[in-house]
Amino acid sequence: TDRSMDVVRETLQNYSGPIEFRIITQPKNGGLSSARNAGIRNASGKY
């Protein structure tokens, strides 16, 4: 409910380095476990 994601986008707007940043948006607030699981399901790294 705050400006966290605005801050995220502002921090990344001029970034052009080797790390690929992606934003995964939850359909609704689901808590820490739900957010971690969404990250796992969208991840493609070995670790």
ModelCIF file with pLDDT and N, C-alpha, C, O atoms, coordinates in Angstrom:
data_MODEL
#
_entry.id   MODEL 
#
_entity.id                         1 
_entity.type                       polymer 
_entity.pdbx_number_of_molecules   1 
#
_entity_poly.entity_id                      1 
_entity_poly.type                           'polypeptide(L)' 
_entity_poly.nstd_linkage                   no 
_entity_poly.nstd_monomer                   no 
_entity_poly.pdbx_seq_one_letter_code       TDRSMDVVRETLQNYSGPIEFRIITQPKNGGLSSARNAGIRNASGKY 
_entity_poly.pdbx_seq_one_letter_code_can   TDRSMDVVRETLQNYSGPIEFRIITQPKNGGLSSARNAGIRNASGKY 
_entity_poly.pdbx_strand_id                 A 
#
loop_
_entity_poly_seq.entity_id 
_entity_poly_seq.num 
_entity_poly_seq.mon_id 
_entity_poly_seq.hetero 
1 1  THR n 
1 2  ASP n 
1 3  ARG n 
1 4  SER n 
1 5  MET n 
1 6  ASP n 
1 7  VAL n 
1 8  VAL n 
1 9  ARG n 
1 10 GLU n 
1 11 THR n 
1 12 LEU n 
1 13 GLN n 
1 14 ASN n 
1 15 TYR n 
1 16 SER n 
1 17 GLY n 
1 18 PRO n 
1 19 ILE n 
1 20 GLU n 
1 21 PHE n 
1 22 ARG n 
1 23 ILE n 
1 24 ILE n 
1 25 THR n 
1 26 GLN n 
1 27 PRO n 
1 28 LYS n 
1 29 ASN n 
1 30 GLY n 
1 31 GLY n 
1 32 LEU n 
1 33 SER n 
1 34 SER n 
1 35 ALA n 
1 36 ARG n 
1 37 ASN n 
1 38 ALA n 
1 39 GLY n 
1 40 ILE n 
1 41 ARG n 
1 42 ASN n 
1 43 ALA n 
1 44 SER n 
1 45 GLY n 
1 46 LYS n 
1 47 TYR n 
#
_struct_asym.id          A 
_struct_asym.entity_id   1 
#
loop_
_ma_qa_metric.id 
_ma_qa_metric.mode 
_ma_qa_metric.name 
_ma_qa_metric.software_group_id 
_ma_qa_metric.type 
1 global pLDDT . pLDDT 
2 local  pLDDT . pLDDT 
#
_ma_qa_metric_global.metric_id      1 
_ma_qa_metric_global.metric_value   96.98 
_ma_qa_metric_global.model_id       1 
_ma_qa_metric_global.ordinal_id     1 
#
loop_
_ma_qa_metric_local.label_asym_id 
_ma_qa_metric_local.label_comp_id 
_ma_qa_metric_local.label_seq_id 
_ma_qa_metric_local.metric_id 
_ma_qa_metric_local.metric_value 
_ma_qa_metric_local.model_id 
_ma_qa_metric_local.ordinal_id 
A THR 1  2 96.00 1 1  
A ASP 2  2 97.00 1 2  
A ARG 3  2 97.00 1 3  
A SER 4  2 98.00 1 4  
A MET 5  2 98.00 1 5  
A ASP 6  2 98.00 1 6  
A VAL 7  2 98.00 1 7  
A VAL 8  2 98.00 1 8  
A ARG 9  2 98.00 1 9  
A GLU 10 2 98.00 1 10 
A THR 11 2 98.00 1 11 
A LEU 12 2 98.00 1 12 
A GLN 13 2 95.00 1 13 
A ASN 14 2 91.00 1 14 
A TYR 15 2 95.00 1 15 
A SER 16 2 93.00 1 16 
A GLY 17 2 94.00 1 17 
A PRO 18 2 96.00 1 18 
A ILE 19 2 97.00 1 19 
A GLU 20 2 97.00 1 20 
A PHE 21 2 98.00 1 21 
A ARG 22 2 98.00 1 22 
A ILE 23 2 98.00 1 23 
A ILE 24 2 98.00 1 24 
A THR 25 2 98.00 1 25 
A GLN 26 2 97.00 1 26 
A PRO 27 2 96.00 1 27 
A LYS 28 2 96.00 1 28 
A ASN 29 2 96.00 1 29 
A GLY 30 2 95.00 1 30 
A GLY 31 2 95.00 1 31 
A LEU 32 2 96.00 1 32 
A SER 33 2 97.00 1 33 
A SER 34 2 97.00 1 34 
A ALA 35 2 98.00 1 35 
A ARG 36 2 98.00 1 36 
A ASN 37 2 98.00 1 37 
A ALA 38 2 98.00 1 38 
A GLY 39 2 98.00 1 39 
A ILE 40 2 98.00 1 40 
A ARG 41 2 98.00 1 41 
A ASN 42 2 98.00 1 42 
A ALA 43 2 98.00 1 43 
A SER 44 2 97.00 1 44 
A GLY 45 2 98.00 1 45 
A LYS 46 2 98.00 1 46 
A TYR 47 2 98.00 1 47 
#
loop_
_atom_site.group_PDB 
_atom_site.id 
_atom_site.type_symbol 
_atom_site.label_atom_id 
_atom_site.label_alt_id 
_atom_site.label_comp_id 
_atom_site.label_asym_id 
_atom_site.label_entity_id 
_atom_site.label_seq_id 
_atom_site.pdbx_PDB_ins_code 
_atom_site.Cartn_x 
_atom_site.Cartn_y 
_atom_site.Cartn_z 
_atom_site.occupancy 
_atom_site.B_iso_or_equiv 
_atom_site.pdbx_formal_charge 
_atom_site.auth_seq_id 
_atom_site.auth_comp_id 
_atom_site.auth_asym_id 
_atom_site.auth_atom_id 
_atom_site.pdbx_PDB_model_num 
ATOM 1   N N  . THR A 1 1  ? 0.813  -1.228  0.000   1.00 96.00 ? 1  THR A N  1 
ATOM 2   C CA . THR A 1 1  ? 0.000  0.000   0.000   1.00 96.00 ? 1  THR A CA 1 
ATOM 3   C C  . THR A 1 1  ? 0.840  1.269   0.000   1.00 96.00 ? 1  THR A C  1 
ATOM 4   O O  . THR A 1 1  ? 0.291  2.365   0.108   1.00 96.00 ? 1  THR A O  1 
ATOM 5   N N  . ASP A 1 2  ? 2.162  1.146   -0.119  1.00 97.00 ? 2  ASP A N  1 
ATOM 6   C CA . ASP A 1 2  ? 3.008  2.340   -0.144  1.00 97.00 ? 2  ASP A CA 1 
ATOM 7   C C  . ASP A 1 2  ? 3.641  2.489   -1.532  1.00 97.00 ? 2  ASP A C  1 
ATOM 8   O O  . ASP A 1 2  ? 3.142  1.919   -2.502  1.00 97.00 ? 2  ASP A O  1 
ATOM 9   N N  . ARG A 1 3  ? 4.734  3.250   -1.631  1.00 97.00 ? 3  ARG A N  1 
ATOM 10  C CA . ARG A 1 3  ? 5.363  3.544   -2.920  1.00 97.00 ? 3  ARG A CA 1 
ATOM 11  C C  . ARG A 1 3  ? 6.504  2.567   -3.255  1.00 97.00 ? 3  ARG A C  1 
ATOM 12  O O  . ARG A 1 3  ? 7.362  2.882   -4.080  1.00 97.00 ? 3  ARG A O  1 
ATOM 13  N N  . SER A 1 4  ? 6.516  1.417   -2.636  1.00 98.00 ? 4  SER A N  1 
ATOM 14  C CA . SER A 1 4  ? 7.642  0.495   -2.832  1.00 98.00 ? 4  SER A CA 1 
ATOM 15  C C  . SER A 1 4  ? 7.933  0.221   -4.301  1.00 98.00 ? 4  SER A C  1 
ATOM 16  O O  . SER A 1 4  ? 9.086  0.311   -4.724  1.00 98.00 ? 4  SER A O  1 
ATOM 17  N N  . MET A 1 5  ? 6.911  -0.111  -5.086  1.00 98.00 ? 5  MET A N  1 
ATOM 18  C CA . MET A 1 5  ? 7.139  -0.469  -6.489  1.00 98.00 ? 5  MET A CA 1 
ATOM 19  C C  . MET A 1 5  ? 7.500  0.747   -7.333  1.00 98.00 ? 5  MET A C  1 
ATOM 20  O O  . MET A 1 5  ? 8.206  0.611   -8.332  1.00 98.00 ? 5  MET A O  1 
ATOM 21  N N  . ASP A 1 6  ? 7.032  1.930   -6.951  1.00 98.00 ? 6  ASP A N  1 
ATOM 22  C CA . ASP A 1 6  ? 7.479  3.150   -7.632  1.00 98.00 ? 6  ASP A CA 1 
ATOM 23  C C  . ASP A 1 6  ? 8.975  3.335   -7.411  1.00 98.00 ? 6  ASP A C  1 
ATOM 24  O O  . ASP A 1 6  ? 9.709  3.699   -8.330  1.00 98.00 ? 6  ASP A O  1 
ATOM 25  N N  . VAL A 1 7  ? 9.419  3.079   -6.178  1.00 98.00 ? 7  VAL A N  1 
ATOM 26  C CA . VAL A 1 7  ? 10.844 3.193   -5.856  1.00 98.00 ? 7  VAL A CA 1 
ATOM 27  C C  . VAL A 1 7  ? 11.645 2.160   -6.639  1.00 98.00 ? 7  VAL A C  1 
ATOM 28  O O  . VAL A 1 7  ? 12.735 2.460   -7.126  1.00 98.00 ? 7  VAL A O  1 
ATOM 29  N N  . VAL A 1 8  ? 11.118 0.954   -6.763  1.00 98.00 ? 8  VAL A N  1 
ATOM 30  C CA . VAL A 1 8  ? 11.791 -0.092  -7.538  1.00 98.00 ? 8  VAL A CA 1 
ATOM 31  C C  . VAL A 1 8  ? 12.014 0.379   -8.977  1.00 98.00 ? 8  VAL A C  1 
ATOM 32  O O  . VAL A 1 8  ? 13.122 0.293   -9.505  1.00 98.00 ? 8  VAL A O  1 
ATOM 33  N N  . ARG A 1 9  ? 10.957 0.871   -9.592  1.00 98.00 ? 9  ARG A N  1 
ATOM 34  C CA . ARG A 1 9  ? 11.058 1.291   -10.998 1.00 98.00 ? 9  ARG A CA 1 
ATOM 35  C C  . ARG A 1 9  ? 11.983 2.488   -11.154 1.00 98.00 ? 9  ARG A C  1 
ATOM 36  O O  . ARG A 1 9  ? 12.727 2.570   -12.132 1.00 98.00 ? 9  ARG A O  1 
ATOM 37  N N  . GLU A 1 10 ? 11.948 3.411   -10.210 1.00 98.00 ? 10 GLU A N  1 
ATOM 38  C CA . GLU A 1 10 ? 12.846 4.569   -10.260 1.00 98.00 ? 10 GLU A CA 1 
ATOM 39  C C  . GLU A 1 10 ? 14.300 4.130   -10.125 1.00 98.00 ? 10 GLU A C  1 
ATOM 40  O O  . GLU A 1 10 ? 15.183 4.693   -10.772 1.00 98.00 ? 10 GLU A O  1 
ATOM 41  N N  . THR A 1 11 ? 14.550 3.135   -9.294  1.00 98.00 ? 11 THR A N  1 
ATOM 42  C CA . THR A 1 11 ? 15.917 2.648   -9.079  1.00 98.00 ? 11 THR A CA 1 
ATOM 43  C C  . THR A 1 11 ? 16.461 1.953   -10.322 1.00 98.00 ? 11 THR A C  1 
ATOM 44  O O  . THR A 1 11 ? 17.660 2.002   -10.598 1.00 98.00 ? 11 THR A O  1 
ATOM 45  N N  . LEU A 1 12 ? 15.574 1.311   -11.062 1.00 98.00 ? 12 LEU A N  1 
ATOM 46  C CA . LEU A 1 12 ? 16.000 0.524   -12.221 1.00 98.00 ? 12 LEU A CA 1 
ATOM 47  C C  . LEU A 1 12 ? 15.914 1.264   -13.555 1.00 98.00 ? 12 LEU A C  1 
ATOM 48  O O  . LEU A 1 12 ? 16.377 0.754   -14.575 1.00 98.00 ? 12 LEU A O  1 
ATOM 49  N N  . GLN A 1 13 ? 15.329 2.453   -13.557 1.00 95.00 ? 13 GLN A N  1 
ATOM 50  C CA . GLN A 1 13 ? 15.015 3.083   -14.839 1.00 95.00 ? 13 GLN A CA 1 
ATOM 51  C C  . GLN A 1 13 ? 16.244 3.390   -15.690 1.00 95.00 ? 13 GLN A C  1 
ATOM 52  O O  . GLN A 1 13 ? 16.155 3.381   -16.917 1.00 95.00 ? 13 GLN A O  1 
ATOM 53  N N  . ASN A 1 14 ? 17.381 3.659   -15.067 1.00 91.00 ? 14 ASN A N  1 
ATOM 54  C CA . ASN A 1 14 ? 18.584 3.964   -15.849 1.00 91.00 ? 14 ASN A CA 1 
ATOM 55  C C  . ASN A 1 14 ? 19.602 2.828   -15.843 1.00 91.00 ? 14 ASN A C  1 
ATOM 56  O O  . ASN A 1 14 ? 20.737 2.996   -16.289 1.00 91.00 ? 14 ASN A O  1 
ATOM 57  N N  . TYR A 1 15 ? 19.181 1.666   -15.330 1.00 95.00 ? 15 TYR A N  1 
ATOM 58  C CA . TYR A 1 15 ? 20.118 0.542   -15.251 1.00 95.00 ? 15 TYR A CA 1 
ATOM 59  C C  . TYR A 1 15 ? 20.261 -0.144  -16.612 1.00 95.00 ? 15 TYR A C  1 
ATOM 60  O O  . TYR A 1 15 ? 19.263 -0.401  -17.286 1.00 95.00 ? 15 TYR A O  1 
ATOM 61  N N  . SER A 1 16 ? 21.489 -0.437  -17.011 1.00 93.00 ? 16 SER A N  1 
ATOM 62  C CA . SER A 1 16 ? 21.725 -1.104  -18.298 1.00 93.00 ? 16 SER A CA 1 
ATOM 63  C C  . SER A 1 16 ? 22.838 -2.140  -18.191 1.00 93.00 ? 16 SER A C  1 
ATOM 64  O O  . SER A 1 16 ? 23.536 -2.418  -19.165 1.00 93.00 ? 16 SER A O  1 
ATOM 65  N N  . GLY A 1 17 ? 22.996 -2.711  -16.993 1.00 94.00 ? 17 GLY A N  1 
ATOM 66  C CA . GLY A 1 17 ? 24.062 -3.678  -16.772 1.00 94.00 ? 17 GLY A CA 1 
ATOM 67  C C  . GLY A 1 17 ? 23.682 -5.092  -17.164 1.00 94.00 ? 17 GLY A C  1 
ATOM 68  O O  . GLY A 1 17 ? 22.669 -5.298  -17.833 1.00 94.00 ? 17 GLY A O  1 
ATOM 69  N N  . PRO A 1 18 ? 24.475 -6.063  -16.758 1.00 96.00 ? 18 PRO A N  1 
ATOM 70  C CA . PRO A 1 18 ? 24.288 -7.447  -17.206 1.00 96.00 ? 18 PRO A CA 1 
ATOM 71  C C  . PRO A 1 18 ? 23.163 -8.207  -16.502 1.00 96.00 ? 18 PRO A C  1 
ATOM 72  O O  . PRO A 1 18 ? 22.714 -9.239  -16.999 1.00 96.00 ? 18 PRO A O  1 
ATOM 73  N N  . ILE A 1 19 ? 22.710 -7.717  -15.370 1.00 97.00 ? 19 ILE A N  1 
ATOM 74  C CA . ILE A 1 19 ? 21.664 -8.433  -14.632 1.00 97.00 ? 19 ILE A CA 1 
ATOM 75  C C  . ILE A 1 19 ? 20.307 -8.180  -15.281 1.00 97.00 ? 19 ILE A C  1 
ATOM 76  O O  . ILE A 1 19 ? 19.955 -7.038  -15.579 1.00 97.00 ? 19 ILE A O  1 
ATOM 77  N N  . GLU A 1 20 ? 19.557 -9.243  -15.494 1.00 97.00 ? 20 GLU A N  1 
ATOM 78  C CA . GLU A 1 20 ? 18.211 -9.108  -16.048 1.00 97.00 ? 20 GLU A CA 1 
ATOM 79  C C  . GLU A 1 20 ? 17.210 -8.955  -14.901 1.00 97.00 ? 20 GLU A C  1 
ATOM 80  O O  . GLU A 1 20 ? 16.988 -9.889  -14.131 1.00 97.00 ? 20 GLU A O  1 
ATOM 81  N N  . PHE A 1 21 ? 16.614 -7.777  -14.798 1.00 98.00 ? 21 PHE A N  1 
ATOM 82  C CA . PHE A 1 21 ? 15.592 -7.539  -13.775 1.00 98.00 ? 21 PHE A CA 1 
ATOM 83  C C  . PHE A 1 21 ? 14.209 -7.743  -14.373 1.00 98.00 ? 21 PHE A C  1 
ATOM 84  O O  . PHE A 1 21 ? 13.906 -7.240  -15.455 1.00 98.00 ? 21 PHE A O  1 
ATOM 85  N N  . ARG A 1 22 ? 13.377 -8.483  -13.658 1.00 98.00 ? 22 ARG A N  1 
ATOM 86  C CA . ARG A 1 22 ? 11.990 -8.678  -14.072 1.00 98.00 ? 22 ARG A CA 1 
ATOM 87  C C  . ARG A 1 22 ? 11.066 -8.439  -12.892 1.00 98.00 ? 22 ARG A C  1 
ATOM 88  O O  . ARG A 1 22 ? 11.385 -8.806  -11.761 1.00 98.00 ? 22 ARG A O  1 
ATOM 89  N N  . ILE A 1 23 ? 9.933  -7.830  -13.154 1.00 98.00 ? 23 ILE A N  1 
ATOM 90  C CA . ILE A 1 23 ? 8.940  -7.597  -12.112 1.00 98.00 ? 23 ILE A CA 1 
ATOM 91  C C  . ILE A 1 23 ? 7.790  -8.582  -12.300 1.00 98.00 ? 23 ILE A C  1 
ATOM 92  O O  . ILE A 1 23 ? 7.189  -8.657  -13.372 1.00 98.00 ? 23 ILE A O  1 
ATOM 93  N N  . ILE A 1 24 ? 7.493  -9.336  -11.242 1.00 98.00 ? 24 ILE A N  1 
ATOM 94  C CA . ILE A 1 24 ? 6.375  -10.278 -11.237 1.00 98.00 ? 24 ILE A CA 1 
ATOM 95  C C  . ILE A 1 24 ? 5.301  -9.682  -10.340 1.00 98.00 ? 24 ILE A C  1 
ATOM 96  O O  . ILE A 1 24 ? 5.541  -9.452  -9.154  1.00 98.00 ? 24 ILE A O  1 
ATOM 97  N N  . THR A 1 25 ? 4.132  -9.433  -10.887 1.00 98.00 ? 25 THR A N  1 
ATOM 98  C CA . THR A 1 25 ? 3.066  -8.794  -10.114 1.00 98.00 ? 25 THR A CA 1 
ATOM 99  C C  . THR A 1 25 ? 2.054  -9.830  -9.645  1.00 98.00 ? 25 THR A C  1 
ATOM 100 O O  . THR A 1 25 ? 1.451  -10.533 -10.455 1.00 98.00 ? 25 THR A O  1 
ATOM 101 N N  . GLN A 1 26 ? 1.874  -9.917  -8.345  1.00 97.00 ? 26 GLN A N  1 
ATOM 102 C CA . GLN A 1 26 ? 0.886  -10.823 -7.772  1.00 97.00 ? 26 GLN A CA 1 
ATOM 103 C C  . GLN A 1 26 ? -0.531 -10.312 -8.059  1.00 97.00 ? 26 GLN A C  1 
ATOM 104 O O  . GLN A 1 26 ? -0.741 -9.100  -8.107  1.00 97.00 ? 26 GLN A O  1 
ATOM 105 N N  . PRO A 1 27 ? -1.502 -11.204 -8.249  1.00 96.00 ? 27 PRO A N  1 
ATOM 106 C CA . PRO A 1 27 ? -2.881 -10.753 -8.467  1.00 96.00 ? 27 PRO A CA 1 
ATOM 107 C C  . PRO A 1 27 ? -3.459 -10.056 -7.248  1.00 96.00 ? 27 PRO A C  1 
ATOM 108 O O  . PRO A 1 27 ? -4.317 -9.183  -7.374  1.00 96.00 ? 27 PRO A O  1 
ATOM 109 N N  . LYS A 1 28 ? -2.983 -10.446 -6.057  1.00 96.00 ? 28 LYS A N  1 
ATOM 110 C CA . LYS A 1 28 ? -3.391 -9.796  -4.815  1.00 96.00 ? 28 LYS A CA 1 
ATOM 111 C C  . LYS A 1 28 ? -2.322 -10.076 -3.764  1.00 96.00 ? 28 LYS A C  1 
ATOM 112 O O  . LYS A 1 28 ? -1.456 -10.927 -3.966  1.00 96.00 ? 28 LYS A O  1 
ATOM 113 N N  . ASN A 1 29 ? -2.381 -9.368  -2.655  1.00 96.00 ? 29 ASN A N  1 
ATOM 114 C CA . ASN A 1 29 ? -1.413 -9.611  -1.590  1.00 96.00 ? 29 ASN A CA 1 
ATOM 115 C C  . ASN A 1 29 ? -1.571 -11.039 -1.070  1.00 96.00 ? 29 ASN A C  1 
ATOM 116 O O  . ASN A 1 29 ? -2.649 -11.434 -0.628  1.00 96.00 ? 29 ASN A O  1 
ATOM 117 N N  . GLY A 1 30 ? -0.480 -11.805 -1.128  1.00 95.00 ? 30 GLY A N  1 
ATOM 118 C CA . GLY A 1 30 ? -0.551 -13.200 -0.703  1.00 95.00 ? 30 GLY A CA 1 
ATOM 119 C C  . GLY A 1 30 ? 0.398  -13.555 0.414   1.00 95.00 ? 30 GLY A C  1 
ATOM 120 O O  . GLY A 1 30 ? 0.372  -14.679 0.917   1.00 95.00 ? 30 GLY A O  1 
ATOM 121 N N  . GLY A 1 31 ? 1.250  -12.598 0.817   1.00 95.00 ? 31 GLY A N  1 
ATOM 122 C CA . GLY A 1 31 ? 2.205  -12.882 1.874   1.00 95.00 ? 31 GLY A CA 1 
ATOM 123 C C  . GLY A 1 31 ? 3.541  -13.362 1.337   1.00 95.00 ? 31 GLY A C  1 
ATOM 124 O O  . GLY A 1 31 ? 3.699  -13.615 0.143   1.00 95.00 ? 31 GLY A O  1 
ATOM 125 N N  . LEU A 1 32 ? 4.504  -13.482 2.253   1.00 96.00 ? 32 LEU A N  1 
ATOM 126 C CA . LEU A 1 32 ? 5.885  -13.791 1.880   1.00 96.00 ? 32 LEU A CA 1 
ATOM 127 C C  . LEU A 1 32 ? 6.009  -15.135 1.168   1.00 96.00 ? 32 LEU A C  1 
ATOM 128 O O  . LEU A 1 32 ? 6.693  -15.231 0.149   1.00 96.00 ? 32 LEU A O  1 
ATOM 129 N N  . SER A 1 33 ? 5.357  -16.170 1.689   1.00 97.00 ? 33 SER A N  1 
ATOM 130 C CA . SER A 1 33 ? 5.471  -17.495 1.071   1.00 97.00 ? 33 SER A CA 1 
ATOM 131 C C  . SER A 1 33 ? 4.932  -17.492 -0.347  1.00 97.00 ? 33 SER A C  1 
ATOM 132 O O  . SER A 1 33 ? 5.547  -18.050 -1.256  1.00 97.00 ? 33 SER A O  1 
ATOM 133 N N  . SER A 1 34 ? 3.779  -16.860 -0.532  1.00 97.00 ? 34 SER A N  1 
ATOM 134 C CA . SER A 1 34 ? 3.175  -16.789 -1.860  1.00 97.00 ? 34 SER A CA 1 
ATOM 135 C C  . SER A 1 34 ? 4.086  -16.052 -2.836  1.00 97.00 ? 34 SER A C  1 
ATOM 136 O O  . SER A 1 34 ? 4.234  -16.464 -3.986  1.00 97.00 ? 34 SER A O  1 
ATOM 137 N N  . ALA A 1 35 ? 4.696  -14.963 -2.376  1.00 98.00 ? 35 ALA A N  1 
ATOM 138 C CA . ALA A 1 35 ? 5.598  -14.187 -3.235  1.00 98.00 ? 35 ALA A CA 1 
ATOM 139 C C  . ALA A 1 35 ? 6.839  -14.998 -3.594  1.00 98.00 ? 35 ALA A C  1 
ATOM 140 O O  . ALA A 1 35 ? 7.284  -14.977 -4.741  1.00 98.00 ? 35 ALA A O  1 
ATOM 141 N N  . ARG A 1 36 ? 7.398  -15.712 -2.619  1.00 98.00 ? 36 ARG A N  1 
ATOM 142 C CA . ARG A 1 36 ? 8.563  -16.561 -2.920  1.00 98.00 ? 36 ARG A CA 1 
ATOM 143 C C  . ARG A 1 36 ? 8.199  -17.646 -3.925  1.00 98.00 ? 36 ARG A C  1 
ATOM 144 O O  . ARG A 1 36 ? 8.962  -17.926 -4.850  1.00 98.00 ? 36 ARG A O  1 
ATOM 145 N N  . ASN A 1 37 ? 7.033  -18.254 -3.743  1.00 98.00 ? 37 ASN A N  1 
ATOM 146 C CA . ASN A 1 37 ? 6.608  -19.304 -4.673  1.00 98.00 ? 37 ASN A CA 1 
ATOM 147 C C  . ASN A 1 37 ? 6.416  -18.759 -6.087  1.00 98.00 ? 37 ASN A C  1 
ATOM 148 O O  . ASN A 1 37 ? 6.748  -19.425 -7.067  1.00 98.00 ? 37 ASN A O  1 
ATOM 149 N N  . ALA A 1 38 ? 5.878  -17.545 -6.184  1.00 98.00 ? 38 ALA A N  1 
ATOM 150 C CA . ALA A 1 38 ? 5.727  -16.923 -7.509  1.00 98.00 ? 38 ALA A CA 1 
ATOM 151 C C  . ALA A 1 38 ? 7.089  -16.712 -8.143  1.00 98.00 ? 38 ALA A C  1 
ATOM 152 O O  . ALA A 1 38 ? 7.255  -16.891 -9.350  1.00 98.00 ? 38 ALA A O  1 
ATOM 153 N N  . GLY A 1 39 ? 8.065  -16.329 -7.325  1.00 98.00 ? 39 GLY A N  1 
ATOM 154 C CA . GLY A 1 39 ? 9.425  -16.166 -7.832  1.00 98.00 ? 39 GLY A CA 1 
ATOM 155 C C  . GLY A 1 39 ? 10.004 -17.470 -8.329  1.00 98.00 ? 39 GLY A C  1 
ATOM 156 O O  . GLY A 1 39 ? 10.602 -17.512 -9.405  1.00 98.00 ? 39 GLY A O  1 
ATOM 157 N N  . ILE A 1 40 ? 9.838  -18.539 -7.564  1.00 98.00 ? 40 ILE A N  1 
ATOM 158 C CA . ILE A 1 40 ? 10.358 -19.851 -7.967  1.00 98.00 ? 40 ILE A CA 1 
ATOM 159 C C  . ILE A 1 40 ? 9.744  -20.281 -9.301  1.00 98.00 ? 40 ILE A C  1 
ATOM 160 O O  . ILE A 1 40 ? 10.450 -20.753 -10.193 1.00 98.00 ? 40 ILE A O  1 
ATOM 161 N N  . ARG A 1 41 ? 8.442  -20.115 -9.430  1.00 98.00 ? 41 ARG A N  1 
ATOM 162 C CA . ARG A 1 41 ? 7.741  -20.585 -10.629 1.00 98.00 ? 41 ARG A CA 1 
ATOM 163 C C  . ARG A 1 41 ? 8.120  -19.776 -11.876 1.00 98.00 ? 41 ARG A C  1 
ATOM 164 O O  . ARG A 1 41 ? 7.975  -20.251 -13.003 1.00 98.00 ? 41 ARG A O  1 
ATOM 165 N N  . ASN A 1 42 ? 8.596  -18.573 -11.662 1.00 98.00 ? 42 ASN A N  1 
ATOM 166 C CA . ASN A 1 42 ? 9.015  -17.744 -12.796 1.00 98.00 ? 42 ASN A CA 1 
ATOM 167 C C  . ASN A 1 42 ? 10.525 -17.757 -13.007 1.00 98.00 ? 42 ASN A C  1 
ATOM 168 O O  . ASN A 1 42 ? 11.026 -17.145 -13.951 1.00 98.00 ? 42 ASN A O  1 
ATOM 169 N N  . ALA A 1 43 ? 11.245 -18.443 -12.143 1.00 98.00 ? 43 ALA A N  1 
ATOM 170 C CA . ALA A 1 43 ? 12.709 -18.449 -12.216 1.00 98.00 ? 43 ALA A CA 1 
ATOM 171 C C  . ALA A 1 43 ? 13.187 -19.415 -13.304 1.00 98.00 ? 43 ALA A C  1 
ATOM 172 O O  . ALA A 1 43 ? 12.523 -20.408 -13.602 1.00 98.00 ? 43 ALA A O  1 
ATOM 173 N N  . SER A 1 44 ? 14.330 -19.111 -13.882 1.00 97.00 ? 44 SER A N  1 
ATOM 174 C CA . SER A 1 44 ? 14.936 -19.997 -14.873 1.00 97.00 ? 44 SER A CA 1 
ATOM 175 C C  . SER A 1 44 ? 16.383 -20.343 -14.539 1.00 97.00 ? 44 SER A C  1 
ATOM 176 O O  . SER A 1 44 ? 17.031 -21.067 -15.295 1.00 97.00 ? 44 SER A O  1 
ATOM 177 N N  . GLY A 1 45 ? 16.907 -19.830 -13.406 1.00 98.00 ? 45 GLY A N  1 
ATOM 178 C CA . GLY A 1 45 ? 18.289 -20.097 -13.029 1.00 98.00 ? 45 GLY A CA 1 
ATOM 179 C C  . GLY A 1 45 ? 18.493 -21.499 -12.485 1.00 98.00 ? 45 GLY A C  1 
ATOM 180 O O  . GLY A 1 45 ? 17.539 -22.159 -12.071 1.00 98.00 ? 45 GLY A O  1 
ATOM 181 N N  . LYS A 1 46 ? 19.734 -21.949 -12.486 1.00 98.00 ? 46 LYS A N  1 
ATOM 182 C CA . LYS A 1 46 ? 20.062 -23.245 -11.907 1.00 98.00 ? 46 LYS A CA 1 
ATOM 183 C C  . LYS A 1 46 ? 19.840 -23.218 -10.403 1.00 98.00 ? 46 LYS A C  1 
ATOM 184 O O  . LYS A 1 46 ? 19.384 -24.196 -9.811  1.00 98.00 ? 46 LYS A O  1 
ATOM 185 N N  . TYR A 1 47 ? 20.172 -22.070 -9.789  1.00 98.00 ? 47 TYR A N  1 
ATOM 186 C CA . TYR A 1 47 ? 19.963 -21.893 -8.352  1.00 98.00 ? 47 TYR A CA 1 
ATOM 187 C C  . TYR A 1 47 ? 19.014 -20.729 -8.126  1.00 98.00 ? 47 TYR A C  1 
ATOM 188 O O  . TYR A 1 47 ? 18.698 -20.403 -6.982  1.00 98.00 ? 47 TYR A O  1 
#
